[in-house]
Amino acid sequence: MDNMCDVEEEILDKVSSEVHSFSKEEILDDSPGAVLSRFEFAFPSYMVEELLPNGNISENLQAIIDEDGDLDVVRRGRVGAHEGAVIIEHKMFCSREHCSSTTLDLVGEQVWRGALFLADFLLHHPEVCRGQDILEVASGVGLTSIVAGMIGRKVIITDVDRGDILDLVRRNVKRNGEVLKANMLIREIDFFNHGTLDDIRKELSNVSVILAADVVYHNQLTDAFFETVYTLMSKPPCKTMYIALEKRYVFTIEDMDTVAPCYEYFKQCLDQLTKRNSENVSWSVEEVVTKTLPQYFTYERNKHLVLWKIRAEVKDDNEYP
């Protein structure tokens, strides 16, 4: 199993995002390969009440299951009149007539279904973010953090400081400033360099919610991700983490079947995390039931999207140095 994800990388040396066919895009002439996309979403009822006290929201905000058990995409006109949008600059690496694809080194500069799936969850469960200090790791272009910033008190958006990614996040936060309530910070966290955690430990000291979307596509990265999770969540206050991802399947000669090796390895790491209980930290893990989660954003949601919740109960005396 240790090498299964490497097999997937060899067979599929590119990963694809199909969400862009449901967004409105404008090519940015001053940034090669970049587009500006408008990701539309239906306002949850509580947002309508806050923004439009006399407005009525459609009750048709529910997941629609087709005969195959898949979730139908929510299209314009199906979710009612009250809609907003998140404006995101991101990279496109193929023609606009086809799905977007990129090499593994550049996955952070695109929008992935897991980010939209997690954003749907946050919109439907505002209690997760309301009044909280929130951290997103491996944020990519920052879409999920921007949604969290509509609800939470403080959002720290982080990714590895490579190329233009952090500047791109800053531009996206600025573009969506009018809808943000939270104090938004952009910082670096590198899973392979925990010195980046030390650099911002004071800013992390009150974080109680951690978010991550589509961070599983290579075993070595998954290992580094879980070591970072352990380090972050082993310090007070008690923390809850939500991880959204899409199972990616590949046919392997070894199994003579279609399998999702990266996801299986991810679940192994989850299981190992629960075995790291100590007198200072107690871990719990559960898959969140999302079958009836309403779809607020417009994208092609499928049955391969999953959401996991990690909870760390931490003793108060287990403080940051």
C-alpha atoms as a PDB file:
ATOM      1  CA  MET A   1       0.000   0.000   0.000  1.00  0.00           C
ATOM      2  CA  ASP A   2       2.883   2.384   0.696  1.00  0.00           C
ATOM      3  CA  ASN A   3       3.642   2.741  -3.021  1.00  0.00           C
ATOM      4  CA  MET A   4       0.080   2.710  -4.313  1.00  0.00           C
ATOM      5  CA  CYS A   5      -0.173   6.472  -4.547  1.00  0.00           C
ATOM      6  CA  ASP A   6       3.060   6.524  -6.521  1.00  0.00           C
ATOM      7  CA  VAL A   7       1.419   4.115  -8.975  1.00  0.00           C
ATOM      8  CA  GLU A   8      -1.421   6.556  -9.368  1.00  0.00           C
ATOM      9  CA  GLU A   9       1.019   9.378 -10.035  1.00  0.00           C
ATOM     10  CA  GLU A  10       2.762   7.351 -12.732  1.00  0.00           C
ATOM     11  CA  ILE A  11      -0.495   6.457 -14.485  1.00  0.00           C
ATOM     12  CA  LEU A  12      -2.078   9.867 -14.032  1.00  0.00           C
ATOM     13  CA  ASP A  13       0.750  12.397 -14.112  1.00  0.00           C
ATOM     14  CA  LYS A  14      -1.890  15.077 -14.270  1.00  0.00           C
ATOM     15  CA  VAL A  15      -4.860  15.679 -11.986  1.00  0.00           C
ATOM     16  CA  SER A  16      -7.998  17.375 -13.237  1.00  0.00           C
ATOM     17  CA  SER A  17     -10.494  19.824 -11.831  1.00  0.00           C
ATOM     18  CA  GLU A  18     -13.917  19.922 -13.464  1.00  0.00           C
ATOM     19  CA  VAL A  19     -15.500  22.706 -11.437  1.00  0.00           C
ATOM     20  CA  HIS A  20     -14.595  25.490 -13.846  1.00  0.00           C
ATOM     21  CA  SER A  21     -17.232  24.618 -16.440  1.00  0.00           C
ATOM     22  CA  PHE A  22     -19.796  25.815 -13.881  1.00  0.00           C
ATOM     23  CA  SER A  23     -18.133  29.170 -13.172  1.00  0.00           C
ATOM     24  CA  LYS A  24     -18.019  32.400 -15.167  1.00  0.00           C
ATOM     25  CA  GLU A  25     -14.483  33.176 -16.247  1.00  0.00           C
ATOM     26  CA  GLU A  26     -12.466  36.079 -17.566  1.00  0.00           C
ATOM     27  CA  ILE A  27      -8.922  35.609 -18.828  1.00  0.00           C
ATOM     28  CA  LEU A  28      -6.398  37.917 -17.155  1.00  0.00           C
ATOM     29  CA  ASP A  29      -4.153  39.381 -19.834  1.00  0.00           C
ATOM     30  CA  ASP A  30      -1.490  40.558 -17.370  1.00  0.00           C
ATOM     31  CA  SER A  31      -1.028  37.113 -15.794  1.00  0.00           C
ATOM     32  CA  PRO A  32      -0.247  34.233 -18.219  1.00  0.00           C
ATOM     33  CA  GLY A  33      -2.440  31.191 -17.649  1.00  0.00           C
ATOM     34  CA  ALA A  34      -4.620  32.972 -15.079  1.00  0.00           C
ATOM     35  CA  VAL A  35      -8.350  33.531 -15.116  1.00  0.00           C
ATOM     36  CA  LEU A  36     -10.786  35.345 -12.852  1.00  0.00           C
ATOM     37  CA  SER A  37     -13.781  33.146 -12.013  1.00  0.00           C
ATOM     38  CA  ARG A  38     -17.105  33.979 -10.429  1.00  0.00           C
ATOM     39  CA  PHE A  39     -18.250  31.083  -8.233  1.00  0.00           C
ATOM     40  CA  GLU A  40     -21.916  31.699  -7.526  1.00  0.00           C
ATOM     41  CA  PHE A  41     -23.723  30.391  -4.469  1.00  0.00           C
ATOM     42  CA  ALA A  42     -27.190  30.582  -2.961  1.00  0.00           C
ATOM     43  CA  PHE A  43     -27.448  32.486   0.297  1.00  0.00           C
ATOM     44  CA  PRO A  44     -28.380  30.288   3.263  1.00  0.00           C
ATOM     45  CA  SER A  45     -31.499  31.538   5.040  1.00  0.00           C
ATOM     46  CA  TYR A  46     -29.542  33.068   7.944  1.00  0.00           C
ATOM     47  CA  MET A  47     -27.484  35.158   5.508  1.00  0.00           C
ATOM     48  CA  VAL A  48     -30.646  36.323   3.772  1.00  0.00           C
ATOM     49  CA  GLU A  49     -32.070  37.369   7.125  1.00  0.00           C
ATOM     50  CA  GLU A  50     -28.901  39.311   7.919  1.00  0.00           C
ATOM     51  CA  LEU A  51     -28.517  40.932   4.501  1.00  0.00           C
ATOM     52  CA  LEU A  52     -32.141  41.064   3.339  1.00  0.00           C
ATOM     53  CA  PRO A  53     -34.396  41.188   6.438  1.00  0.00           C
ATOM     54  CA  ASN A  54     -37.576  41.304   4.362  1.00  0.00           C
ATOM     55  CA  GLY A  55     -36.492  38.791   1.731  1.00  0.00           C
ATOM     56  CA  ASN A  56     -37.725  35.262   1.189  1.00  0.00           C
ATOM     57  CA  ILE A  57     -35.378  32.382   0.552  1.00  0.00           C
ATOM     58  CA  SER A  58     -36.308  29.362  -1.497  1.00  0.00           C
ATOM     59  CA  GLU A  59     -36.877  26.183   0.487  1.00  0.00           C
ATOM     60  CA  ASN A  60     -35.423  24.193  -2.390  1.00  0.00           C
ATOM     61  CA  LEU A  61     -31.908  24.270  -0.895  1.00  0.00           C
ATOM     62  CA  GLN A  62     -31.485  20.559  -0.500  1.00  0.00           C
ATOM     63  CA  ALA A  63     -29.306  17.921  -2.028  1.00  0.00           C
ATOM     64  CA  ILE A  64     -31.001  16.362  -5.046  1.00  0.00           C
ATOM     65  CA  ILE A  65     -30.204  12.683  -5.538  1.00  0.00           C
ATOM     66  CA  ASP A  66     -30.462  11.157  -9.016  1.00  0.00           C
ATOM     67  CA  GLU A  67     -31.470   7.560  -9.755  1.00  0.00           C
ATOM     68  CA  ASP A  68     -27.831   6.413  -9.609  1.00  0.00           C
ATOM     69  CA  GLY A  69     -27.370   7.831  -6.128  1.00  0.00           C
ATOM     70  CA  ASP A  70     -25.298  10.776  -7.368  1.00  0.00           C
ATOM     71  CA  LEU A  71     -25.894  14.346  -6.330  1.00  0.00           C
ATOM     72  CA  ASP A  72     -27.262  16.447  -9.158  1.00  0.00           C
ATOM     73  CA  VAL A  73     -25.502  19.743  -9.769  1.00  0.00           C
ATOM     74  CA  VAL A  74     -27.476  22.726  -8.543  1.00  0.00           C
ATOM     75  CA  ARG A  75     -27.962  25.107 -11.447  1.00  0.00           C
ATOM     76  CA  ARG A  76     -29.104  28.683 -11.663  1.00  0.00           C
ATOM     77  CA  GLY A  77     -32.858  28.999 -11.141  1.00  0.00           C
ATOM     78  CA  ARG A  78     -33.072  25.959  -8.886  1.00  0.00           C
ATOM     79  CA  VAL A  79     -31.972  27.610  -5.654  1.00  0.00           C
ATOM     80  CA  GLY A  80     -33.968  30.827  -5.553  1.00  0.00           C
ATOM     81  CA  ALA A  81     -33.280  34.461  -6.231  1.00  0.00           C
ATOM     82  CA  HIS A  82     -30.849  35.387  -3.448  1.00  0.00           C
ATOM     83  CA  GLU A  83     -27.385  34.615  -4.761  1.00  0.00           C
ATOM     84  CA  GLY A  84     -23.887  35.786  -4.037  1.00  0.00           C
ATOM     85  CA  ALA A  85     -20.512  35.069  -5.598  1.00  0.00           C
ATOM     86  CA  VAL A  86     -16.904  34.516  -4.602  1.00  0.00           C
ATOM     87  CA  ILE A  87     -14.453  36.020  -7.093  1.00  0.00           C
ATOM     88  CA  ILE A  88     -11.330  33.895  -7.442  1.00  0.00           C
ATOM     89  CA  GLU A  89      -8.175  34.293  -9.492  1.00  0.00           C
ATOM     90  CA  HIS A  90      -6.664  30.919 -10.327  1.00  0.00           C
ATOM     91  CA  LYS A  91      -4.678  29.114 -12.991  1.00  0.00           C
ATOM     92  CA  MET A  92      -5.998  27.284 -16.029  1.00  0.00           C
ATOM     93  CA  PHE A  93      -3.732  24.932 -17.941  1.00  0.00           C
ATOM     94  CA  CYS A  94      -5.820  23.823 -20.885  1.00  0.00           C
ATOM     95  CA  SER A  95      -8.417  25.177 -23.244  1.00  0.00           C
ATOM     96  CA  ARG A  96     -11.619  26.588 -21.820  1.00  0.00           C
ATOM     97  CA  GLU A  97     -13.608  24.000 -23.762  1.00  0.00           C
ATOM     98  CA  HIS A  98     -12.133  21.179 -21.653  1.00  0.00           C
ATOM     99  CA  CYS A  99     -11.700  20.468 -17.975  1.00  0.00           C
ATOM    100  CA  SER A 100      -8.788  22.193 -16.304  1.00  0.00           C
ATOM    101  CA  SER A 101      -5.678  20.172 -15.528  1.00  0.00           C
ATOM    102  CA  THR A 102      -2.285  20.814 -13.988  1.00  0.00           C
ATOM    103  CA  THR A 103       0.815  18.973 -12.891  1.00  0.00           C
ATOM    104  CA  LEU A 104       1.082  17.852  -9.264  1.00  0.00           C
ATOM    105  CA  ASP A 105       3.525  20.659  -8.471  1.00  0.00           C
ATOM    106  CA  LEU A 106       0.924  23.313  -9.269  1.00  0.00           C
ATOM    107  CA  VAL A 107      -2.305  21.918  -7.845  1.00  0.00           C
ATOM    108  CA  GLY A 108      -2.553  24.735  -5.289  1.00  0.00           C
ATOM    109  CA  GLU A 109      -3.260  27.324  -7.953  1.00  0.00           C
ATOM    110  CA  GLN A 110      -6.590  25.826  -9.004  1.00  0.00           C
ATOM    111  CA  VAL A 111     -10.022  25.431  -7.452  1.00  0.00           C
ATOM    112  CA  TRP A 112     -10.920  21.859  -6.558  1.00  0.00           C
ATOM    113  CA  ARG A 113     -14.259  20.234  -5.823  1.00  0.00           C
ATOM    114  CA  GLY A 114     -13.217  19.486  -2.234  1.00  0.00           C
ATOM    115  CA  ALA A 115     -12.908  23.226  -1.527  1.00  0.00           C
ATOM    116  CA  LEU A 116     -16.429  23.875  -2.797  1.00  0.00           C
ATOM    117  CA  PHE A 117     -17.752  20.859  -0.886  1.00  0.00           C
ATOM    118  CA  LEU A 118     -16.202  22.132   2.345  1.00  0.00           C
ATOM    119  CA  ALA A 119     -17.545  25.618   1.608  1.00  0.00           C
ATOM    120  CA  ASP A 120     -21.043  24.122   1.278  1.00  0.00           C
ATOM    121  CA  PHE A 121     -20.609  22.491   4.689  1.00  0.00           C
ATOM    122  CA  LEU A 122     -19.505  25.748   6.320  1.00  0.00           C
ATOM    123  CA  LEU A 123     -22.415  27.680   4.826  1.00  0.00           C
ATOM    124  CA  HIS A 124     -24.860  25.083   6.128  1.00  0.00           C
ATOM    125  CA  HIS A 125     -23.232  24.867   9.570  1.00  0.00           C
ATOM    126  CA  PRO A 126     -22.327  28.454  10.521  1.00  0.00           C
ATOM    127  CA  GLU A 127     -21.893  27.358  14.138  1.00  0.00           C
ATOM    128  CA  VAL A 128     -18.583  25.770  13.092  1.00  0.00           C
ATOM    129  CA  CYS A 129     -17.063  29.177  12.299  1.00  0.00           C
ATOM    130  CA  ARG A 130     -19.137  31.741  14.165  1.00  0.00           C
ATOM    131  CA  GLY A 131     -17.045  33.532  16.800  1.00  0.00           C
ATOM    132  CA  GLN A 132     -14.026  31.285  16.130  1.00  0.00           C
ATOM    133  CA  ASP A 133     -10.402  31.712  15.133  1.00  0.00           C
ATOM    134  CA  ILE A 134     -10.005  29.513  12.059  1.00  0.00           C
ATOM    135  CA  LEU A 135      -6.940  28.151  10.279  1.00  0.00           C
ATOM    136  CA  GLU A 136      -6.899  26.714   6.782  1.00  0.00           C
ATOM    137  CA  VAL A 137      -3.847  24.700   5.770  1.00  0.00           C
ATOM    138  CA  ALA A 138      -2.902  24.084   2.124  1.00  0.00           C
ATOM    139  CA  SER A 139      -5.486  26.690   1.216  1.00  0.00           C
ATOM    140  CA  GLY A 140      -4.576  26.975  -2.438  1.00  0.00           C
ATOM    141  CA  VAL A 141      -6.315  30.018  -3.904  1.00  0.00           C
ATOM    142  CA  GLY A 142      -8.281  30.614  -0.695  1.00  0.00           C
ATOM    143  CA  LEU A 143     -11.911  29.983  -1.683  1.00  0.00           C
ATOM    144  CA  THR A 144     -12.844  27.978   1.434  1.00  0.00           C
ATOM    145  CA  SER A 145     -11.126  30.494   3.716  1.00  0.00           C
ATOM    146  CA  ILE A 146     -13.052  33.327   2.104  1.00  0.00           C
ATOM    147  CA  VAL A 147     -16.328  31.520   2.835  1.00  0.00           C
ATOM    148  CA  ALA A 148     -15.174  30.949   6.432  1.00  0.00           C
ATOM    149  CA  GLY A 149     -14.367  34.653   6.568  1.00  0.00           C
ATOM    150  CA  MET A 150     -18.021  35.476   5.883  1.00  0.00           C
ATOM    151  CA  ILE A 151     -18.923  33.853   9.205  1.00  0.00           C
ATOM    152  CA  GLY A 152     -15.939  33.579  11.561  1.00  0.00           C
ATOM    153  CA  ARG A 153     -14.027  36.023  13.747  1.00  0.00           C
ATOM    154  CA  LYS A 154     -10.502  35.467  12.416  1.00  0.00           C
ATOM    155  CA  VAL A 155      -9.209  33.368   9.522  1.00  0.00           C
ATOM    156  CA  ILE A 156      -5.554  32.497   8.989  1.00  0.00           C
ATOM    157  CA  ILE A 157      -5.038  31.370   5.393  1.00  0.00           C
ATOM    158  CA  THR A 158      -1.886  29.339   4.865  1.00  0.00           C
ATOM    159  CA  ASP A 159       0.004  27.480   2.188  1.00  0.00           C
ATOM    160  CA  VAL A 160       3.611  26.876   1.239  1.00  0.00           C
ATOM    161  CA  ASP A 161       5.293  30.092   0.075  1.00  0.00           C
ATOM    162  CA  ARG A 162       6.120  28.917  -3.424  1.00  0.00           C
ATOM    163  CA  GLY A 163       5.710  30.885  -6.633  1.00  0.00           C
ATOM    164  CA  ASP A 164       2.860  33.379  -6.602  1.00  0.00           C
ATOM    165  CA  ILE A 165       0.438  31.472  -4.360  1.00  0.00           C
ATOM    166  CA  LEU A 166       0.408  33.683  -1.249  1.00  0.00           C
ATOM    167  CA  ASP A 167       0.234  36.885  -3.297  1.00  0.00           C
ATOM    168  CA  LEU A 168      -2.590  35.307  -5.302  1.00  0.00           C
ATOM    169  CA  VAL A 169      -4.454  34.605  -2.029  1.00  0.00           C
ATOM    170  CA  ARG A 170      -3.961  38.215  -0.952  1.00  0.00           C
ATOM    171  CA  ARG A 171      -5.471  39.407  -4.217  1.00  0.00           C
ATOM    172  CA  ASN A 172      -8.444  37.067  -3.792  1.00  0.00           C
ATOM    173  CA  VAL A 173      -9.071  38.231  -0.225  1.00  0.00           C
ATOM    174  CA  LYS A 174      -8.981  41.851  -1.396  1.00  0.00           C
ATOM    175  CA  ARG A 175     -11.414  41.110  -4.259  1.00  0.00           C
ATOM    176  CA  ASN A 176     -13.944  39.668  -1.811  1.00  0.00           C
ATOM    177  CA  GLY A 177     -13.442  42.186   0.967  1.00  0.00           C
ATOM    178  CA  GLU A 178     -17.017  43.465   0.931  1.00  0.00           C
ATOM    179  CA  VAL A 179     -18.461  40.104   2.016  1.00  0.00           C
ATOM    180  CA  LEU A 180     -15.873  39.335   4.705  1.00  0.00           C
ATOM    181  CA  LYS A 181     -16.582  39.777   8.413  1.00  0.00           C
ATOM    182  CA  ALA A 182     -13.452  38.148   9.801  1.00  0.00           C
ATOM    183  CA  ASN A 183      -9.958  39.495  10.261  1.00  0.00           C
ATOM    184  CA  MET A 184      -8.061  37.770   7.438  1.00  0.00           C
ATOM    185  CA  LEU A 185      -4.363  36.891   7.703  1.00  0.00           C
ATOM    186  CA  ILE A 186      -2.197  35.235   5.040  1.00  0.00           C
ATOM    187  CA  ARG A 187       0.785  33.271   6.310  1.00  0.00           C
ATOM    188  CA  GLU A 188       3.037  30.371   5.319  1.00  0.00           C
ATOM    189  CA  ILE A 189       2.751  26.843   6.657  1.00  0.00           C
ATOM    190  CA  ASP A 190       4.968  24.269   4.978  1.00  0.00           C
ATOM    191  CA  PHE A 191       4.187  20.674   5.976  1.00  0.00           C
ATOM    192  CA  PHE A 192       7.848  19.795   5.408  1.00  0.00           C
ATOM    193  CA  ASN A 193       9.189  22.701   7.491  1.00  0.00           C
ATOM    194  CA  HIS A 194       7.681  23.038  10.958  1.00  0.00           C
ATOM    195  CA  GLY A 195       9.763  26.125  11.517  1.00  0.00           C
ATOM    196  CA  THR A 196       6.944  27.862   9.657  1.00  0.00           C
ATOM    197  CA  LEU A 197       4.635  26.858  12.535  1.00  0.00           C
ATOM    198  CA  ASP A 198       7.047  28.359  15.063  1.00  0.00           C
ATOM    199  CA  ASP A 199       7.113  31.613  13.103  1.00  0.00           C
ATOM    200  CA  ILE A 200       3.364  32.155  13.616  1.00  0.00           C
ATOM    201  CA  ARG A 201       2.757  30.312  16.907  1.00  0.00           C
ATOM    202  CA  LYS A 202       1.346  33.403  18.648  1.00  0.00           C
ATOM    203  CA  GLU A 203      -1.193  33.897  15.863  1.00  0.00           C
ATOM    204  CA  LEU A 204      -2.125  30.221  16.105  1.00  0.00           C
ATOM    205  CA  SER A 205      -2.582  30.262  19.873  1.00  0.00           C
ATOM    206  CA  ASN A 206      -6.376  30.833  19.804  1.00  0.00           C
ATOM    207  CA  VAL A 207      -7.235  28.727  16.757  1.00  0.00           C
ATOM    208  CA  SER A 208     -10.033  26.263  17.527  1.00  0.00           C
ATOM    209  CA  VAL A 209     -11.089  25.231  14.004  1.00  0.00           C
ATOM    210  CA  ILE A 210      -8.800  23.918  11.254  1.00  0.00           C
ATOM    211  CA  LEU A 211      -9.839  23.355   7.645  1.00  0.00           C
ATOM    212  CA  ALA A 212      -8.265  21.436   4.775  1.00  0.00           C
ATOM    213  CA  ALA A 213      -9.569  20.495   1.325  1.00  0.00           C
ATOM    214  CA  ASP A 214      -8.139  18.105  -1.268  1.00  0.00           C
ATOM    215  CA  VAL A 215      -4.735  17.722   0.357  1.00  0.00           C
ATOM    216  CA  VAL A 216      -4.398  13.997  -0.391  1.00  0.00           C
ATOM    217  CA  TYR A 217      -2.749  13.085  -3.683  1.00  0.00           C
ATOM    218  CA  HIS A 218       0.688  11.725  -2.701  1.00  0.00           C
ATOM    219  CA  ASN A 219       1.709   9.502   0.235  1.00  0.00           C
ATOM    220  CA  GLN A 220       4.769  11.524   1.206  1.00  0.00           C
ATOM    221  CA  LEU A 221       2.661  14.661   1.364  1.00  0.00           C
ATOM    222  CA  THR A 222      -0.021  12.838   3.357  1.00  0.00           C
ATOM    223  CA  ASP A 223       2.584  11.780   5.937  1.00  0.00           C
ATOM    224  CA  ALA A 224       3.845  15.356   6.276  1.00  0.00           C
ATOM    225  CA  PHE A 225       0.278  16.640   6.465  1.00  0.00           C
ATOM    226  CA  PHE A 226      -0.593  14.357   9.391  1.00  0.00           C
ATOM    227  CA  GLU A 227       2.591  15.269  11.267  1.00  0.00           C
ATOM    228  CA  THR A 228       1.586  18.906  10.869  1.00  0.00           C
ATOM    229  CA  VAL A 229      -1.944  18.125  12.058  1.00  0.00           C
ATOM    230  CA  TYR A 230      -0.517  16.371  15.126  1.00  0.00           C
ATOM    231  CA  THR A 231       1.732  19.320  15.951  1.00  0.00           C
ATOM    232  CA  LEU A 232      -1.027  21.901  15.466  1.00  0.00           C
ATOM    233  CA  MET A 233      -3.743  20.064  17.347  1.00  0.00           C
ATOM    234  CA  SER A 234      -1.636  18.870  20.293  1.00  0.00           C
ATOM    235  CA  LYS A 235      -1.566  22.399  21.707  1.00  0.00           C
ATOM    236  CA  PRO A 236      -4.458  24.187  23.441  1.00  0.00           C
ATOM    237  CA  PRO A 237      -7.161  25.172  22.963  1.00  0.00           C
ATOM    238  CA  CYS A 238      -9.047  21.998  22.026  1.00  0.00           C
ATOM    239  CA  LYS A 239      -9.453  21.907  18.265  1.00  0.00           C
ATOM    240  CA  THR A 240     -11.734  20.462  15.623  1.00  0.00           C
ATOM    241  CA  MET A 241     -10.528  19.860  12.085  1.00  0.00           C
ATOM    242  CA  TYR A 242     -12.621  19.286   8.969  1.00  0.00           C
ATOM    243  CA  ILE A 243     -10.988  17.638   5.952  1.00  0.00           C
ATOM    244  CA  ALA A 244     -12.859  17.477   2.646  1.00  0.00           C
ATOM    245  CA  LEU A 245     -11.510  15.455  -0.229  1.00  0.00           C
ATOM    246  CA  GLU A 246     -12.461  13.630  -3.364  1.00  0.00           C
ATOM    247  CA  LYS A 247     -11.568   9.971  -3.739  1.00  0.00           C
ATOM    248  CA  ARG A 248      -9.567   9.625  -6.946  1.00  0.00           C
ATOM    249  CA  TYR A 249      -9.730   6.228  -8.562  1.00  0.00           C
ATOM    250  CA  VAL A 250      -7.205   4.549 -10.823  1.00  0.00           C
ATOM    251  CA  PHE A 251      -6.975   1.123 -12.424  1.00  0.00           C
ATOM    252  CA  THR A 252      -3.879  -0.797 -11.309  1.00  0.00           C
ATOM    253  CA  ILE A 253      -2.359  -3.933 -12.799  1.00  0.00           C
ATOM    254  CA  GLU A 254      -1.474  -5.155  -9.307  1.00  0.00           C
ATOM    255  CA  ASP A 255      -5.117  -5.212  -8.202  1.00  0.00           C
ATOM    256  CA  MET A 256      -6.672  -5.659 -11.634  1.00  0.00           C
ATOM    257  CA  ASP A 257      -9.308  -3.288 -10.349  1.00  0.00           C
ATOM    258  CA  THR A 258     -10.133   0.368  -9.909  1.00  0.00           C
ATOM    259  CA  VAL A 259      -8.947   1.584  -6.522  1.00  0.00           C
ATOM    260  CA  ALA A 260      -8.404   4.858  -4.641  1.00  0.00           C
ATOM    261  CA  PRO A 261      -4.902   4.294  -3.192  1.00  0.00           C
ATOM    262  CA  CYS A 262      -4.350   7.816  -1.865  1.00  0.00           C
ATOM    263  CA  TYR A 263      -7.635   7.724   0.011  1.00  0.00           C
ATOM    264  CA  GLU A 264      -6.905   4.306   1.497  1.00  0.00           C
ATOM    265  CA  TYR A 265      -3.546   5.565   2.714  1.00  0.00           C
ATOM    266  CA  PHE A 266      -5.258   8.660   4.142  1.00  0.00           C
ATOM    267  CA  LYS A 267      -7.604   6.423   6.169  1.00  0.00           C
ATOM    268  CA  GLN A 268      -4.622   4.452   7.468  1.00  0.00           C
ATOM    269  CA  CYS A 269      -3.110   7.716   8.712  1.00  0.00           C
ATOM    270  CA  LEU A 270      -6.399   8.653  10.390  1.00  0.00           C
ATOM    271  CA  ASP A 271      -6.376   5.342  12.209  1.00  0.00           C
ATOM    272  CA  GLN A 272      -2.771   5.844  13.305  1.00  0.00           C
ATOM    273  CA  LEU A 273      -3.640   9.283  14.652  1.00  0.00           C
ATOM    274  CA  THR A 274      -6.265   7.829  17.005  1.00  0.00           C
ATOM    275  CA  LYS A 275      -3.563   5.572  18.453  1.00  0.00           C
ATOM    276  CA  ARG A 276      -1.469   8.563  19.518  1.00  0.00           C
ATOM    277  CA  ASN A 277      -3.558   9.311  22.603  1.00  0.00           C
ATOM    278  CA  SER A 278      -1.535  10.462  25.593  1.00  0.00           C
ATOM    279  CA  GLU A 279      -2.119  11.926  29.030  1.00  0.00           C
ATOM    280  CA  ASN A 280      -2.197  15.365  27.382  1.00  0.00           C
ATOM    281  CA  VAL A 281      -4.159  14.746  24.161  1.00  0.00           C
ATOM    282  CA  SER A 282      -7.138  12.554  23.308  1.00  0.00           C
ATOM    283  CA  TRP A 283      -8.006  12.029  19.637  1.00  0.00           C
ATOM    284  CA  SER A 284     -11.282  11.120  17.951  1.00  0.00           C
ATOM    285  CA  VAL A 285     -12.060  10.712  14.251  1.00  0.00           C
ATOM    286  CA  GLU A 286     -15.344  10.336  12.401  1.00  0.00           C
ATOM    287  CA  GLU A 287     -16.652  10.597   8.870  1.00  0.00           C
ATOM    288  CA  VAL A 288     -19.303  13.302   8.626  1.00  0.00           C
ATOM    289  CA  VAL A 289     -22.593  12.237   7.052  1.00  0.00           C
ATOM    290  CA  THR A 290     -23.110  14.504   4.035  1.00  0.00           C
ATOM    291  CA  LYS A 291     -25.639  12.661   1.899  1.00  0.00           C
ATOM    292  CA  THR A 292     -28.285  15.338   2.491  1.00  0.00           C
ATOM    293  CA  LEU A 293     -25.908  18.306   2.732  1.00  0.00           C
ATOM    294  CA  PRO A 294     -27.450  21.147   0.688  1.00  0.00           C
ATOM    295  CA  GLN A 295     -25.472  22.369  -2.291  1.00  0.00           C
ATOM    296  CA  TYR A 296     -25.061  26.138  -2.225  1.00  0.00           C
ATOM    297  CA  PHE A 297     -22.271  26.519  -4.781  1.00  0.00           C
ATOM    298  CA  THR A 298     -22.732  25.613  -8.438  1.00  0.00           C
ATOM    299  CA  TYR A 299     -20.469  22.695  -9.347  1.00  0.00           C
ATOM    300  CA  GLU A 300     -20.763  19.029 -10.214  1.00  0.00           C
ATOM    301  CA  ARG A 301     -20.881  17.325  -6.840  1.00  0.00           C
ATOM    302  CA  ASN A 302     -20.368  13.569  -6.916  1.00  0.00           C
ATOM    303  CA  LYS A 303     -20.555  10.629  -4.518  1.00  0.00           C
ATOM    304  CA  HIS A 304     -16.760  10.441  -4.238  1.00  0.00           C
ATOM    305  CA  LEU A 305     -16.597  13.590  -2.094  1.00  0.00           C
ATOM    306  CA  VAL A 306     -16.155  12.871   1.610  1.00  0.00           C
ATOM    307  CA  LEU A 307     -15.747  14.893   4.786  1.00  0.00           C
ATOM    308  CA  TRP A 308     -13.832  13.824   7.893  1.00  0.00           C
ATOM    309  CA  LYS A 309     -13.800  15.382  11.350  1.00  0.00           C
ATOM    310  CA  ILE A 310     -10.844  15.165  13.736  1.00  0.00           C
ATOM    311  CA  ARG A 311     -11.221  16.284  17.349  1.00  0.00           C
ATOM    312  CA  ALA A 312      -8.337  16.809  19.787  1.00  0.00           C
ATOM    313  CA  GLU A 313      -9.121  17.242  23.474  1.00  0.00           C
ATOM    314  CA  VAL A 314      -6.076  18.929  24.970  1.00  0.00           C
ATOM    315  CA  LYS A 315      -5.110  19.640  28.564  1.00  0.00           C
ATOM    316  CA  ASP A 316      -4.620  23.341  29.270  1.00  0.00           C
ATOM    317  CA  ASP A 317      -1.110  22.854  30.641  1.00  0.00           C
ATOM    318  CA  ASN A 318       0.100  21.435  27.296  1.00  0.00           C
ATOM    319  CA  GLU A 319       0.935  24.924  26.056  1.00  0.00           C
ATOM    320  CA  TYR A 320       2.999  26.358  23.251  1.00  0.00           C
ATOM    321  CA  PRO A 321       6.599  26.951  24.316  1.00  0.00           C
END
